[in-house]
């Protein structure tokens, strides 16, 4: 959608993606996170680059940068919201965003994925 110049057309296209193909991908991610096991990490029972990459990606999608993509996109997906909250609560990550009170970086805080 980045190549769409008309703002209204771009907004409509992003809404369509968020309500269509993106839902399929999010459903698959939710299933993967559900199967991850009791520790909730994607690979080998400890946090790896894979966990950080998924956390960043899920945060970026709902941060508000992509107009037309709702910030509550993950509300129907409990495994994604739990994973995001768990990652955002890691002390090093939590401390990085502690002073953020507005803007796109709010999506990196605990609870942002369930808002």
Protein backbone atom coordinates (compact mmCIF):
# COMPACT_ATOMS: atom_id res chain seq x y z
CA UNK A 1 0.00 0.00 0.00
CA UNK A 2 3.00 2.31 0.23
CA UNK A 3 2.86 2.97 -3.51
CA UNK A 4 -0.74 4.27 -3.34
CA UNK A 5 -0.52 8.06 -3.52
CA UNK A 6 -4.15 8.96 -2.80
CA UNK A 7 -4.63 9.04 0.99
CA UNK A 8 -8.25 7.85 0.94
CA UNK A 9 -7.43 5.02 -1.44
CA UNK A 10 -4.42 3.99 0.70
CA UNK A 11 -6.55 4.05 3.86
CA UNK A 12 -9.21 1.88 2.23
CA UNK A 13 -6.58 -0.55 0.95
CA UNK A 14 -4.99 -0.89 4.38
CA UNK A 15 -8.35 -1.45 6.02
CA UNK A 16 -9.06 -4.17 3.46
CA UNK A 17 -5.71 -5.83 4.16
CA UNK A 18 -6.27 -5.64 7.93
CA UNK A 19 -9.74 -7.20 7.60
CA UNK A 20 -8.72 -9.79 5.00
CA UNK A 21 -5.30 -11.30 4.32
CA UNK A 22 -3.76 -9.99 7.54
CA UNK A 23 -6.41 -11.84 9.57
CA UNK A 24 -5.23 -15.12 8.06
CA UNK A 25 -1.62 -14.40 9.03
CA UNK A 26 -2.58 -13.26 12.53
CA UNK A 27 -4.68 -16.39 13.04
CA UNK A 28 -1.67 -18.54 12.08
CA UNK A 29 0.60 -16.57 14.43
CA UNK A 30 -1.91 -16.95 17.25
CA UNK A 31 -1.95 -20.73 16.67
CA UNK A 32 1.85 -20.87 16.60
CA UNK A 33 2.07 -18.95 19.86
CA UNK A 34 -0.59 -21.18 21.41
CA UNK A 35 1.52 -24.23 20.51
CA UNK A 36 4.73 -22.63 21.78
CA UNK A 37 4.29 -24.26 25.16
CA UNK A 38 3.97 -23.12 28.74
CA UNK A 39 7.06 -20.89 28.66
CA UNK A 40 5.60 -19.00 25.71
CA UNK A 41 8.81 -18.68 23.73
CA UNK A 42 8.98 -19.65 20.09
CA UNK A 43 12.26 -21.59 20.07
CA UNK A 44 13.79 -23.81 22.72
CA UNK A 45 12.18 -22.58 25.91
CA UNK A 46 14.08 -19.29 26.15
CA UNK A 47 13.90 -15.89 24.52
CA UNK A 48 15.62 -15.78 21.15
CA UNK A 49 15.85 -13.42 18.22
CA UNK A 50 12.64 -15.01 16.89
CA UNK A 51 10.70 -13.78 19.93
CA UNK A 52 12.12 -10.27 19.66
CA UNK A 53 11.39 -10.14 15.92
CA UNK A 54 7.76 -11.21 16.41
CA UNK A 55 7.36 -8.73 19.28
CA UNK A 56 8.70 -5.87 17.16
CA UNK A 57 6.61 -6.86 14.14
CA UNK A 58 3.40 -7.14 16.14
CA UNK A 59 4.12 -3.79 17.80
CA UNK A 60 4.84 -2.06 14.51
CA UNK A 61 1.61 -3.24 12.90
CA UNK A 62 -0.56 -1.64 15.61
CA UNK A 63 1.54 1.43 16.36
CA UNK A 64 -0.53 3.82 14.26
CA UNK A 65 2.02 4.28 11.50
CA UNK A 66 -0.18 2.26 9.15
CA UNK A 67 -3.37 4.29 8.94
CA UNK A 68 -6.36 2.02 8.54
CA UNK A 69 -4.92 -0.72 10.74
CA UNK A 70 -6.77 -0.68 14.08
CA UNK A 71 -4.75 -0.57 17.28
CA UNK A 72 -7.01 -3.25 18.75
CA UNK A 73 -6.25 -5.64 15.89
CA UNK A 74 -5.06 -8.41 18.23
CA UNK A 75 -7.93 -8.25 20.73
CA UNK A 76 -9.53 -11.50 19.47
CA UNK A 77 -6.18 -13.30 19.64
CA UNK A 78 -5.31 -14.17 23.26
CA UNK A 79 -2.00 -15.89 22.52
CA UNK A 80 -0.71 -12.83 20.66
CA UNK A 81 -1.80 -10.42 23.38
CA UNK A 82 -0.27 -12.62 26.09
CA UNK A 83 2.98 -12.97 24.13
CA UNK A 84 3.19 -9.23 23.49
CA UNK A 85 2.56 -8.42 27.16
CA UNK A 86 5.14 -10.99 28.26
CA UNK A 87 7.78 -9.57 25.90
CA UNK A 88 6.96 -5.96 26.80
CA UNK A 89 7.36 -6.90 30.47
CA UNK A 90 10.94 -8.14 30.07
CA UNK A 91 12.83 -5.65 32.28
CA UNK A 92 15.20 -4.46 29.56
CA UNK A 93 12.33 -3.89 27.11
CA UNK A 94 10.01 -2.42 29.75
CA UNK A 95 12.68 0.03 30.89
CA UNK A 96 13.37 1.16 27.33
CA UNK A 97 9.77 2.32 26.86
CA UNK A 98 8.99 3.33 30.44
CA UNK A 99 8.98 7.08 29.83
CA UNK A 100 6.99 6.92 26.58
CA UNK A 101 3.53 8.43 27.01
CA UNK A 102 2.42 9.03 23.40
CA UNK A 103 3.17 8.24 19.79
CA UNK A 104 4.00 5.09 17.87
CA UNK A 105 6.28 3.70 20.56
CA UNK A 106 3.31 3.25 22.88
CA UNK A 107 2.61 0.04 20.94
CA UNK A 108 5.76 -1.45 22.48
CA UNK A 109 4.42 -1.17 26.04
CA UNK A 110 2.74 -3.95 27.99
CA UNK A 111 -0.99 -4.04 27.36
CA UNK A 112 -0.80 -2.28 23.99
CA UNK A 113 -1.77 -5.40 22.05
CA UNK A 114 -4.90 -5.91 24.14
CA UNK A 115 -6.06 -2.30 23.95
